[in-house]
Protein backbone atom coordinates (compact mmCIF):
# COMPACT_ATOMS: atom_id res chain seq x y z
CA MET A 1 216.29 44.18 68.54
CA LEU A 2 216.02 40.40 68.23
CA LYS A 3 212.44 39.24 68.78
CA ARG A 4 211.93 36.95 71.75
CA PRO A 5 209.49 34.08 71.29
CA PHE A 6 206.77 33.83 73.99
CA ASP A 7 204.75 30.71 74.68
CA LYS A 8 201.13 31.89 74.67
CA THR A 9 199.58 28.55 75.59
CA LYS A 10 199.02 29.72 79.16
CA LEU A 11 198.57 33.45 78.59
CA PRO A 12 195.10 35.07 78.62
CA SER A 13 195.52 36.48 75.11
CA ARG A 14 195.44 32.99 73.62
CA HIS A 15 191.67 33.23 73.99
CA VAL A 16 191.52 36.01 71.36
CA THR A 17 194.50 35.34 69.07
CA GLU A 18 195.16 31.61 68.75
CA GLY A 19 193.48 28.88 66.69
CA PRO A 20 191.16 28.78 63.64
CA GLU A 21 188.09 29.70 65.74
CA ARG A 22 189.66 33.06 66.57
CA ALA A 23 189.87 34.18 62.92
CA PRO A 24 187.07 36.78 63.46
CA HIS A 25 188.95 38.24 66.44
CA ARG A 26 192.19 38.46 64.46
CA SER A 27 190.26 40.15 61.68
CA PHE A 28 189.48 43.03 64.04
CA MET A 29 193.16 43.26 64.94
CA TYR A 30 194.25 43.44 61.30
CA ALA A 31 191.75 46.30 60.99
CA MET A 32 193.81 48.24 63.54
CA GLY A 33 197.02 47.81 61.57
CA LEU A 34 198.54 44.95 63.55
CA SER A 35 200.78 42.51 61.75
CA GLU A 36 200.52 38.74 62.07
CA ASP A 37 203.60 38.72 64.31
CA GLU A 38 202.14 41.42 66.56
CA ILE A 39 198.86 39.53 66.91
CA HIS A 40 200.68 36.42 68.14
CA GLN A 41 202.88 38.28 70.61
CA PRO A 42 201.72 38.89 74.22
CA LEU A 43 199.15 41.68 74.42
CA VAL A 44 200.00 44.29 77.04
CA GLY A 45 197.41 46.75 78.30
CA VAL A 46 198.79 50.29 78.55
CA ALA A 47 196.18 51.92 80.78
CA THR A 48 196.14 55.66 81.32
CA CYS A 49 193.95 58.06 83.25
CA TRP A 50 194.45 60.74 80.60
CA ASN A 51 191.89 63.49 80.42
CA GLU A 52 191.56 67.24 80.04
CA ALA A 53 190.09 67.73 83.51
CA ALA A 54 193.29 68.90 85.19
CA PRO A 55 197.07 69.23 84.79
CA CYS A 56 197.66 65.97 86.72
CA ASN A 57 196.53 63.85 83.77
CA ILE A 58 197.11 66.00 80.72
CA SER A 59 200.57 64.58 79.91
CA LEU A 60 199.70 60.91 80.35
CA ASN A 61 198.67 60.49 76.72
CA ARG A 62 202.14 61.49 75.52
CA GLN A 63 203.89 59.42 78.19
CA ALA A 64 201.93 56.33 77.18
CA GLN A 65 203.60 56.46 73.75
CA ALA A 66 206.99 56.00 75.41
CA VAL A 67 205.68 53.01 77.35
CA LYS A 68 204.41 51.45 74.11
CA LEU A 69 207.86 51.83 72.53
CA GLY A 70 209.34 49.86 75.43
CA VAL A 71 206.75 47.09 75.15
CA LYS A 72 207.40 46.80 71.40
CA GLU A 73 211.16 46.79 71.89
CA ALA A 74 210.80 43.82 74.25
CA SER A 75 208.61 41.76 71.86
CA GLY A 76 205.18 42.68 73.18
CA THR A 77 202.16 44.26 71.51
CA PRO A 78 200.89 47.27 73.47
CA ARG A 79 197.19 48.10 73.50
CA GLU A 80 196.47 51.53 74.92
CA PHE A 81 193.21 52.29 76.70
CA THR A 82 191.98 54.99 79.02
CA THR A 83 189.89 55.16 82.15
CA ILE A 84 188.36 58.00 84.14
CA THR A 85 189.86 60.36 86.68
CA VAL A 86 188.15 62.74 89.05
CA THR A 87 190.65 65.40 89.98
CA ASP A 88 190.38 66.46 93.60
CA GLY A 89 191.68 69.98 93.16
CA ILE A 90 188.76 70.81 90.88
CA ALA A 91 186.24 68.60 92.71
CA MET A 92 187.18 70.20 96.05
CA GLY A 93 184.75 72.16 98.20
CA HIS A 94 181.47 71.30 96.46
CA GLU A 95 179.24 68.35 95.53
CA GLY A 96 181.78 67.16 92.96
CA MET A 97 184.06 65.89 95.74
CA ARG A 98 181.56 63.11 96.43
CA SER A 99 182.71 61.53 93.16
CA SER A 100 186.36 61.41 94.19
CA LEU A 101 186.72 58.31 96.34
CA ALA A 102 184.04 56.48 94.35
CA SER A 103 186.19 57.11 91.27
CA ARG A 104 188.97 54.98 92.79
CA GLU A 105 186.65 51.98 92.64
CA ALA A 106 185.44 52.90 89.14
CA ILE A 107 189.04 53.10 87.91
CA SER A 108 189.85 49.67 89.33
CA ASP A 109 186.64 48.21 87.95
CA THR A 110 187.02 49.66 84.45
CA VAL A 111 190.66 48.61 84.17
CA GLU A 112 189.70 45.11 85.31
CA LEU A 113 186.83 44.92 82.83
CA THR A 114 188.96 46.14 79.93
CA MET A 115 191.75 43.68 80.72
CA ARG A 116 189.30 40.80 81.12
CA GLY A 117 187.24 41.67 78.07
CA HIS A 118 190.23 41.76 75.73
CA CYS A 119 192.35 39.11 77.47
CA TYR A 120 195.47 41.21 77.94
CA ASP A 121 198.45 39.40 79.44
CA ALA A 122 200.12 42.18 81.42
CA ILE A 123 199.63 45.83 82.26
CA VAL A 124 201.55 49.07 82.49
CA GLY A 125 199.37 51.62 84.27
CA LEU A 126 199.91 55.39 84.13
CA ALA A 127 198.15 57.64 86.63
CA GLY A 128 198.48 61.23 87.74
CA CYS A 129 195.93 62.23 90.38
CA ASP A 130 195.03 61.23 93.92
CA LYS A 131 192.56 58.37 93.40
CA SER A 132 193.89 57.21 90.06
CA LEU A 133 197.16 55.99 91.61
CA PRO A 134 195.64 53.60 94.17
CA GLY A 135 192.84 52.74 91.74
CA MET A 136 195.35 51.60 89.11
CA MET A 137 197.46 49.67 91.65
CA MET A 138 194.32 48.00 93.06
CA ALA A 139 193.42 46.77 89.56
CA MET A 140 196.91 45.33 89.07
CA VAL A 141 196.73 43.37 92.33
CA ARG A 142 193.14 42.26 91.63
CA LEU A 143 194.05 40.89 88.20
CA ASN A 144 197.40 39.51 89.42
CA VAL A 145 199.10 39.83 86.06
CA PRO A 146 202.67 41.07 85.50
CA SER A 147 202.30 44.78 86.26
CA VAL A 148 204.34 47.97 86.24
CA PHE A 149 203.01 51.26 87.53
CA ILE A 150 204.28 54.64 86.39
CA TYR A 151 203.35 58.04 87.80
CA GLY A 152 202.72 60.91 85.42
CA GLY A 153 204.92 63.22 87.51
CA SER A 154 204.37 66.28 89.64
CA ILE A 155 203.76 69.87 88.66
CA VAL A 156 206.70 72.24 88.99
CA PRO A 157 206.24 74.85 91.73
CA GLY A 158 204.98 78.29 90.88
CA LYS A 159 206.75 81.49 91.96
CA TYR A 160 205.16 84.38 93.80
CA LYS A 161 207.20 87.18 95.34
CA GLY A 162 210.35 85.07 95.06
CA LYS A 163 208.91 82.02 96.86
CA ASP A 164 207.85 78.59 95.60
CA ILE A 165 204.10 78.14 95.83
CA THR A 166 201.64 75.30 95.18
CA VAL A 167 197.88 74.99 94.91
CA GLN A 168 197.81 74.69 98.72
CA ASP A 169 198.85 78.35 98.85
CA VAL A 170 195.89 79.28 96.65
CA PHE A 171 193.42 77.49 98.92
CA GLU A 172 194.96 79.24 101.93
CA ALA A 173 194.95 82.57 100.10
CA VAL A 174 191.15 82.23 99.94
CA GLY A 175 191.10 82.16 103.75
CA GLN A 176 193.40 85.17 103.87
CA HIS A 177 191.11 86.96 101.44
CA GLN A 178 188.10 86.18 103.66
CA ALA A 179 190.03 87.61 106.61
CA GLY A 180 190.86 90.76 104.63
CA ALA A 181 194.57 89.93 104.61
CA ASN A 182 194.97 90.13 100.84
CA SER A 183 193.25 91.94 98.00
CA ASP A 184 191.33 90.71 94.96
CA GLU A 185 194.41 91.53 92.86
CA GLU A 186 196.77 89.55 95.11
CA LEU A 187 194.47 86.54 95.12
CA ARG A 188 194.26 86.71 91.33
CA ALA A 189 198.06 86.91 91.04
CA ILE A 190 198.53 83.89 93.30
CA GLU A 191 195.97 81.77 91.43
CA LYS A 192 197.67 82.55 88.12
CA ALA A 193 201.18 81.75 89.41
CA ALA A 194 200.68 78.59 91.48
CA CYS A 195 200.40 75.91 88.78
CA PRO A 196 202.74 76.68 85.86
CA SER A 197 202.90 73.25 84.19
CA ALA A 198 201.36 69.85 83.68
CA GLY A 199 201.58 67.45 86.61
CA ALA A 200 200.00 66.60 89.94
CA CYS A 201 200.02 68.94 92.95
CA GLY A 202 203.63 69.54 93.96
CA GLY A 203 203.72 69.00 97.73
CA GLN A 204 203.63 65.70 99.59
CA PHE A 205 199.90 65.64 99.08
CA THR A 206 198.01 62.46 98.16
CA ALA A 207 199.24 62.05 94.57
CA ASN A 208 202.93 62.37 95.45
CA THR A 209 202.43 60.28 98.59
CA MET A 210 200.96 57.43 96.53
CA ALA A 211 203.66 57.92 93.88
CA CYS A 212 206.25 57.31 96.62
CA VAL A 213 204.18 54.28 97.67
CA SER A 214 204.33 52.88 94.12
CA GLU A 215 208.13 52.70 94.34
CA ALA A 216 208.26 51.56 97.97
CA ILE A 217 205.70 48.80 97.40
CA GLY A 218 207.66 47.63 94.35
CA LEU A 219 205.14 48.15 91.54
CA ALA A 220 207.09 51.06 90.00
CA LEU A 221 210.71 51.17 88.87
CA MET A 222 213.02 52.89 91.33
CA ASN A 223 213.11 56.69 90.97
CA SER A 224 210.44 56.61 88.24
CA SER A 225 208.00 58.73 90.26
CA GLY A 226 210.30 61.68 90.91
CA ALA A 227 210.80 63.64 87.70
CA PRO A 228 208.17 66.37 87.22
CA ALA A 229 205.63 65.84 84.45
CA PRO A 230 207.16 68.31 81.96
CA TYR A 231 210.62 66.71 82.09
CA GLU A 232 211.47 64.88 78.88
CA SER A 233 213.38 62.36 81.04
CA ARG A 234 210.00 60.87 81.96
CA ASP A 235 209.97 59.28 78.49
CA ALA A 236 212.98 57.15 79.42
CA TYR A 237 211.18 55.89 82.53
CA GLY A 238 208.13 55.11 80.38
CA THR A 239 210.16 53.10 77.88
CA ALA A 240 211.97 51.30 80.70
CA SER A 241 208.61 50.44 82.29
CA GLY A 242 207.40 48.92 79.01
CA ILE A 243 210.53 46.78 78.77
CA ALA A 244 210.25 45.84 82.46
CA VAL A 245 206.72 44.48 82.15
CA MET A 246 207.86 42.14 79.40
CA HIS A 247 210.69 40.87 81.61
CA LEU A 248 208.15 40.23 84.38
CA LEU A 249 205.94 38.37 81.90
CA GLU A 250 208.87 36.24 80.81
CA GLN A 251 209.66 35.35 84.44
CA ASN A 252 205.96 35.04 85.45
CA ILE A 253 206.41 37.60 88.24
CA ARG A 254 202.95 38.89 89.06
CA ALA A 255 201.52 41.77 91.06
CA ARG A 256 200.91 39.66 94.18
CA ASP A 257 204.51 38.42 94.10
CA ILE A 258 205.37 42.09 94.59
CA VAL A 259 202.54 43.34 96.84
CA THR A 260 202.92 41.39 100.09
CA ARG A 261 202.50 42.19 103.77
CA LYS A 262 206.17 43.15 103.92
CA SER A 263 206.00 45.46 100.89
CA LEU A 264 202.90 47.17 102.34
CA GLU A 265 204.90 47.79 105.51
CA ASN A 266 207.72 49.28 103.41
CA ALA A 267 205.19 51.57 101.74
CA ALA A 268 203.75 52.71 105.08
CA ARG A 269 207.28 53.52 106.29
CA VAL A 270 207.85 55.81 103.32
CA VAL A 271 204.53 57.59 103.90
CA ALA A 272 205.44 58.15 107.55
CA CYS A 273 208.97 59.43 107.04
CA THR A 274 207.93 61.86 104.29
CA GLY A 275 204.98 63.31 106.24
CA GLY A 276 202.66 61.92 103.57
CA SER A 277 198.93 62.21 103.15
CA THR A 278 196.48 60.72 105.65
CA ASN A 279 194.74 59.23 102.61
CA ALA A 280 197.44 56.54 102.55
CA GLY A 281 195.65 55.15 105.61
CA LEU A 282 192.69 54.52 103.30
CA HIS A 283 194.51 53.39 100.16
CA LEU A 284 197.07 50.95 101.59
CA PRO A 285 194.33 48.81 103.22
CA ALA A 286 192.40 48.91 99.92
CA ILE A 287 195.43 47.68 97.92
CA ALA A 288 196.01 44.96 100.52
CA HIS A 289 192.35 43.92 100.26
CA GLU A 290 192.80 43.14 96.56
CA ALA A 291 195.51 40.62 97.49
CA GLY A 292 193.39 39.06 100.22
CA LEU A 293 195.60 40.57 102.95
CA GLU A 294 194.34 42.18 106.15
CA PHE A 295 196.34 45.36 106.51
CA PHE A 296 194.00 47.81 108.19
CA LEU A 297 194.28 51.37 109.51
CA ASP A 298 195.65 50.09 112.84
CA ASP A 299 198.46 48.27 111.05
CA VAL A 300 199.34 51.35 109.03
CA CYS A 301 199.32 53.53 112.15
CA ASP A 302 201.51 51.09 114.11
CA ILE A 303 204.19 51.63 111.48
CA PHE A 304 203.63 55.40 111.46
CA ARG A 305 204.14 55.43 115.23
CA ASP A 306 207.68 54.06 115.21
CA THR A 307 209.03 55.60 111.99
CA PRO A 308 211.08 58.81 112.20
CA TYR A 309 209.91 61.77 110.11
CA PHE A 310 212.97 63.01 108.22
CA VAL A 311 211.91 64.30 104.76
CA ASP A 312 211.04 68.01 104.80
CA LEU A 313 208.14 68.32 102.36
CA LYS A 314 205.08 70.57 102.12
CA PRO A 315 202.48 70.96 103.53
CA GLY A 316 204.15 70.49 106.92
CA GLY A 317 207.63 71.31 105.66
CA ASN A 318 209.41 73.44 103.11
CA TYR A 319 210.04 71.54 99.87
CA VAL A 320 208.12 70.02 96.95
CA ALA A 321 208.34 66.85 94.87
CA LYS A 322 210.78 68.38 92.39
CA ASP A 323 213.17 69.11 95.27
CA LEU A 324 212.90 65.54 96.55
CA TYR A 325 213.70 64.24 93.06
CA GLU A 326 216.76 66.48 92.84
CA ALA A 327 217.90 65.23 96.26
CA GLY A 328 217.82 61.61 95.07
CA GLY A 329 214.15 60.72 95.47
CA VAL A 330 212.53 57.70 97.10
CA PRO A 331 215.63 55.47 96.69
CA VAL A 332 217.68 57.74 98.97
CA VAL A 333 214.79 57.91 101.44
CA MET A 334 214.62 54.10 101.49
CA LYS A 335 218.39 53.87 101.93
CA GLU A 336 218.03 55.94 105.10
CA LEU A 337 215.23 53.67 106.34
CA ARG A 338 217.45 50.68 105.63
CA ARG A 339 220.25 52.19 107.73
CA ALA A 340 217.86 52.04 110.68
CA GLY A 341 216.71 48.50 109.86
CA LEU A 342 213.23 49.70 108.89
CA ILE A 343 212.96 48.19 105.40
CA HIS A 344 212.24 44.60 104.34
CA GLU A 345 215.00 44.15 101.76
CA ASP A 346 213.81 40.85 100.30
CA CYS A 347 210.65 42.25 98.67
CA MET A 348 210.42 41.79 94.89
CA THR A 349 210.15 44.86 92.64
CA ALA A 350 209.05 45.63 89.08
CA SER A 351 212.65 45.35 87.90
CA GLY A 352 212.73 41.66 88.86
CA ARG A 353 215.25 42.50 91.58
CA ALA A 354 214.69 42.72 95.34
CA ILE A 355 214.49 46.08 97.12
CA GLY A 356 217.85 45.40 98.81
CA GLU A 357 219.52 44.79 95.45
CA GLU A 358 218.01 48.00 94.08
CA LEU A 359 219.21 50.02 97.07
CA ASP A 360 222.73 48.57 96.76
CA MET A 361 222.96 50.36 93.40
CA ILE A 362 222.03 53.78 94.81
CA GLU A 363 225.12 55.92 95.37
CA ARG A 364 223.58 59.17 96.59
CA GLU A 365 223.16 59.99 100.27
CA ALA A 366 220.81 62.19 102.29
CA ASP A 367 221.48 65.86 101.54
CA GLY A 368 220.60 67.07 105.06
CA LYS A 369 218.23 69.68 103.64
CA VAL A 370 215.33 67.92 101.90
CA ILE A 371 216.24 64.44 103.19
CA TYR A 372 217.67 64.52 106.71
CA PRO A 373 219.85 61.62 107.94
CA ILE A 374 217.57 59.22 109.79
CA ASP A 375 219.65 59.51 112.97
CA THR A 376 218.92 63.26 113.11
CA PRO A 377 215.26 63.33 111.99
CA ILE A 378 212.87 66.27 112.03
CA THR A 379 210.84 64.37 114.67
CA PRO A 380 211.42 60.88 116.10
CA THR A 381 207.98 59.56 115.08
CA GLY A 382 206.08 59.60 111.80
CA GLY A 383 204.36 62.58 110.27
CA VAL A 384 200.98 60.83 110.45
CA VAL A 385 199.41 59.42 113.64
CA GLY A 386 196.55 57.01 114.36
CA LEU A 387 194.02 57.82 117.09
CA LYS A 388 191.49 55.68 118.98
CA GLY A 389 189.04 56.19 121.80
CA ASN A 390 185.37 56.38 122.67
CA LEU A 391 184.82 58.94 119.91
CA ALA A 392 186.49 56.72 117.29
CA PRO A 393 186.37 53.04 118.32
CA GLN A 394 187.44 51.97 114.82
CA GLY A 395 190.16 54.61 114.70
CA ALA A 396 190.95 57.96 113.11
CA ILE A 397 194.02 59.57 111.60
CA VAL A 398 195.79 62.94 111.83
CA LYS A 399 198.82 64.43 110.06
CA VAL A 400 201.20 65.99 112.62
CA ALA A 401 204.09 66.77 110.27
CA GLY A 402 204.99 70.39 110.93
CA ILE A 403 202.99 70.56 114.21
CA ALA A 404 205.11 71.15 117.33
CA PRO A 405 204.69 68.50 120.08
CA GLU A 406 203.13 71.05 122.44
CA ASP A 407 200.41 71.67 119.84
CA GLN A 408 199.58 67.97 119.44
CA VAL A 409 197.21 67.90 122.40
CA PHE A 410 193.93 69.78 122.12
CA SER A 411 190.82 69.91 124.26
CA GLY A 412 187.76 72.02 123.60
CA PRO A 413 183.99 72.18 123.20
CA ALA A 414 182.37 70.59 120.15
CA ARG A 415 180.91 72.86 117.48
CA VAL A 416 178.87 70.44 115.38
CA PHE A 417 178.11 70.77 111.66
CA GLU A 418 175.97 68.33 109.69
CA CYS A 419 177.97 68.77 106.46
CA GLU A 420 181.04 70.50 105.06
CA GLU A 421 179.13 73.40 103.50
CA ASP A 422 177.75 74.43 106.91
CA ALA A 423 181.24 74.34 108.40
CA PHE A 424 182.77 76.32 105.54
CA GLU A 425 180.07 78.96 105.84
CA ALA A 426 180.75 79.30 109.59
CA VAL A 427 184.48 79.59 108.96
CA LYS A 428 183.89 82.15 106.21
CA MET A 429 181.72 84.24 108.59
CA ARG A 430 184.15 83.67 111.51
CA ALA A 431 181.19 82.14 113.39
CA TYR A 432 183.36 79.97 115.62
CA LYS A 433 185.60 80.57 118.61
CA GLU A 434 189.25 79.98 119.36
CA GLY A 435 189.49 76.70 121.27
CA ASP A 436 186.54 75.05 119.48
CA VAL A 437 186.68 71.54 118.09
CA LEU A 438 184.79 71.77 114.80
CA VAL A 439 182.95 68.50 114.12
CA ILE A 440 181.88 67.80 110.52
CA ARG A 441 179.77 64.65 110.29
CA ASN A 442 177.70 62.80 107.69
CA GLU A 443 180.68 62.97 105.30
CA GLY A 444 181.80 59.32 105.53
CA PRO A 445 181.95 56.90 102.58
CA ALA A 446 178.32 55.81 102.96
CA GLY A 447 176.84 58.87 104.65
CA GLY A 448 178.22 61.52 102.31
CA PRO A 449 178.09 59.58 100.16
CA GLY A 450 181.68 59.62 98.94
CA MET A 451 183.83 60.69 101.93
CA ARG A 452 184.68 64.18 100.78
CA GLU A 453 187.95 65.94 101.52
CA MET A 454 187.76 69.13 103.58
CA LEU A 455 190.57 71.20 102.10
CA ALA A 456 188.44 74.26 101.41
CA THR A 457 187.50 74.47 105.10
CA THR A 458 190.91 73.61 106.57
CA ALA A 459 192.75 75.91 104.18
CA ALA A 460 190.37 78.76 105.06
CA LEU A 461 191.14 78.20 108.76
CA SER A 462 194.88 78.26 108.06
CA GLY A 463 194.48 81.33 105.90
CA GLN A 464 192.68 83.06 108.78
CA GLY A 465 195.59 82.24 111.09
CA MET A 466 193.44 79.84 113.13
CA GLY A 467 195.10 76.56 112.14
CA LYS A 468 196.61 76.10 115.62
CA LYS A 469 193.78 77.71 117.56
CA VAL A 470 191.01 75.26 116.68
CA ALA A 471 190.86 71.54 115.91
CA LEU A 472 188.65 69.82 113.37
CA ILE A 473 187.36 66.24 113.28
CA THR A 474 185.31 64.48 110.63
CA ASP A 475 184.16 61.10 109.38
CA GLY A 476 185.20 62.43 105.98
CA ARG A 477 188.75 62.89 104.72
CA PHE A 478 191.36 65.58 104.39
CA SER A 479 193.42 66.51 101.39
CA GLY A 480 197.10 65.68 101.51
CA ALA A 481 197.50 69.47 101.36
CA THR A 482 195.68 69.96 104.66
CA ARG A 483 197.66 71.28 107.59
CA GLY A 484 196.61 72.13 111.13
CA PHE A 485 195.19 69.82 113.78
CA CYS A 486 192.67 68.01 111.58
CA VAL A 487 191.45 64.51 112.39
CA GLY A 488 189.84 62.45 109.63
CA HIS A 489 188.48 58.94 108.99
CA VAL A 490 186.63 58.90 112.33
CA GLY A 491 184.97 55.49 112.48
CA PRO A 492 182.35 54.21 112.66
CA GLU A 493 180.99 57.04 110.55
CA ALA A 494 177.83 58.95 111.49
CA ALA A 495 175.69 57.10 108.95
CA HIS A 496 176.55 53.84 110.73
CA GLY A 497 175.61 55.25 114.13
CA GLY A 498 179.17 55.87 115.30
CA PRO A 499 179.77 58.12 118.33
CA ILE A 500 180.46 61.08 116.01
CA ALA A 501 176.70 60.97 115.16
CA LEU A 502 175.81 61.42 118.82
CA ILE A 503 177.93 64.45 119.76
CA ALA A 504 176.20 67.71 120.65
CA ASP A 505 177.46 71.29 120.77
CA GLY A 506 179.45 71.88 123.93
CA ASP A 507 180.58 68.28 124.55
CA MET A 508 184.24 68.38 125.55
CA ILE A 509 186.50 66.61 123.08
CA THR A 510 190.14 65.75 123.74
CA ILE A 511 192.62 64.83 121.02
CA ASN A 512 196.09 63.63 122.02
CA ALA A 513 198.31 62.81 119.05
CA ILE A 514 201.21 61.95 121.36
CA THR A 515 199.36 59.11 123.14
CA GLY A 516 197.10 58.36 120.15
CA GLU A 517 193.79 59.07 121.90
CA ILE A 518 190.57 60.79 120.86
CA SER A 519 187.70 61.00 123.34
CA VAL A 520 184.53 62.85 124.27
CA ASN A 521 183.53 63.44 127.90
CA LEU A 522 180.61 61.02 127.71
CA ASN A 523 180.54 57.62 129.40
CA ASP A 524 179.15 54.43 127.87
CA GLU A 525 175.75 55.03 129.49
CA ASP A 526 175.55 58.57 128.07
CA LEU A 527 176.42 57.33 124.59
CA ALA A 528 173.88 54.49 124.84
CA LYS A 529 171.10 56.92 125.80
CA ARG A 530 171.96 59.20 122.89
CA LYS A 531 172.08 56.23 120.52
CA GLU A 532 168.57 55.28 121.65
CA ALA A 533 167.32 58.79 120.88
CA TRP A 534 169.24 59.02 117.57
CA ALA A 535 166.97 59.66 114.59
CA GLY A 536 169.09 57.53 112.28
CA PRO A 537 171.18 58.35 109.21
CA ARG A 538 170.61 61.65 107.46
CA ASP A 539 168.84 61.39 104.13
CA THR A 540 170.93 62.39 101.11
CA ILE A 541 169.86 63.59 97.69
CA TYR A 542 171.56 60.56 96.08
CA ALA A 543 168.76 58.04 95.62
CA SER A 544 169.96 56.58 92.31
CA GLY A 545 173.03 56.45 90.10
CA ALA A 546 176.68 55.74 90.80
CA LEU A 547 176.88 57.43 94.19
CA TRP A 548 173.78 55.61 95.44
CA LYS A 549 175.33 52.34 94.32
CA TYR A 550 178.62 53.22 96.02
CA ALA A 551 176.85 54.06 99.30
CA GLN A 552 175.11 50.67 99.31
CA LEU A 553 178.32 48.72 98.73
CA VAL A 554 181.04 50.60 100.58
CA GLY A 555 182.54 49.11 103.73
CA GLU A 556 184.23 50.55 106.81
CA THR A 557 186.83 53.27 106.49
CA TYR A 558 189.45 51.43 108.57
CA LYS A 559 189.37 48.57 106.06
CA GLY A 560 189.93 50.94 103.13
CA ALA A 561 186.32 51.83 102.17
CA VAL A 562 186.20 49.03 99.62
CA THR A 563 183.17 47.78 97.69
CA HIS A 564 183.71 44.06 97.04
CA PRO A 565 184.88 40.97 98.98
CA GLY A 566 188.47 41.12 97.71
CA GLY A 567 191.18 38.57 97.12
CA ALA A 568 190.34 36.46 100.17
CA GLU A 569 186.99 35.46 98.63
CA GLU A 570 187.92 35.02 94.98
CA LYS A 571 187.44 31.63 93.29
CA HIS A 572 189.82 32.17 90.40
CA VAL A 573 192.77 34.30 89.32
CA TYR A 574 192.18 36.15 86.05
CA ALA A 575 195.65 35.40 84.69
CA ASP A 576 195.07 31.64 85.04
CA LEU A 577 191.72 31.41 83.23
């Protein structure tokens, strides 16, 4: 391919490659086998979250090689580097989950530091697990360089007794095992069958939700998130992403030209109509924050409220990411949203074309099985709902995909637990009653610290057949795989003296997902008296190290649980230094 000349006089990499004073820097580059031409081309960071911690990330190393081929083909010089990932499936249900949300910030920070330290001009970011997707996208928006995101792909579903299963089924099988509904041998067979390949969890859990977001928000090429991780076709998307980032560099189209208020709204629409993870209510505000935009939980939930739910995916529905891909993927979903006038078509994408132009090229239509036509949706409102009231003045969030309308109102006495372990032990011992509202507090971003997910507890409840017979609320989070009437992100959190810190056993709690209300039968005077008697935040064992640092810095959940002032306060843009 004919080499394209790039003017580096305004690109960051000029600081390490151009002029006589940079001879020592170039010397290091020759040591890595770069040619003189390659040194003077734009330097493109190819950032991956590869590790051997879990199947979500294990294929990213190979996929990065395809990206590098695309960058080279389009006259760029790729420089591969890695960052961390904490994989929620393995961190779940124990102290390790405290590292999960904090890892999102560490991913953003380390990608930023690597890009800044080596003066890379653009980035292609590959990610595979829940926090690595938003973490990578946050770094792109923070740096505001030409950026293309690519998902590592989902796991293919396992088979057990003729049915597709995912890791969600294994978590729920633990609850069934506790209830005596399956044997040691059955549990062992399910655990061995559920995850047969590389890739992220297969349902519309957090990783696949944020993968859909990457396309809807415009940072990823259309349909690039759909193919499962083992598919060789992912290589073609990788190469195309490498070429695309060079086109963006040539046209000076940057991450914040793509991530705008309108594109965030498009992303929230796709989360709602696919019954996506409640964690999107945390990650979309955090991505917005990097661009200096105020797009908080309320804004996300407003969009959820008036978006039909029409894509039938687990955990509330029947199908997995592979099925969505085979039905046409996110582009077909967005075509349906466009038919109802629910998409901003003028938003820029990683291809250099607007969303509307991209959708004009999509020939496939809704199949009526995985993707319903939008005029005959599964339910008329989104699969995720925002809640507010005297128990959550700053808001809370609940996934209602797969929950019948008559089951979306719940009232019952509080059964209060000071941490997830206490709640899980009570569930394991069946030490709760039908009709209870289980309250798990001190699990917020600062109070945990780390805002743990509660999948072990919620899956055990579902496995015991109690998913519809109790409700659960927490200032922590839920996995995208959680189902049942489970309310998360209750704010202010207990550590900040929110009402959830003041509840006592027996207080009557009412949750109404239809009207968007969550309340406790205490008036303002009652709450004020309890606040006066409150002993203050619970001590944690984290008095030093990364989690201590995170707890000191982290902000409110409804703003995305972020740890720095964001784009609104910045005094320079990295790409212009």
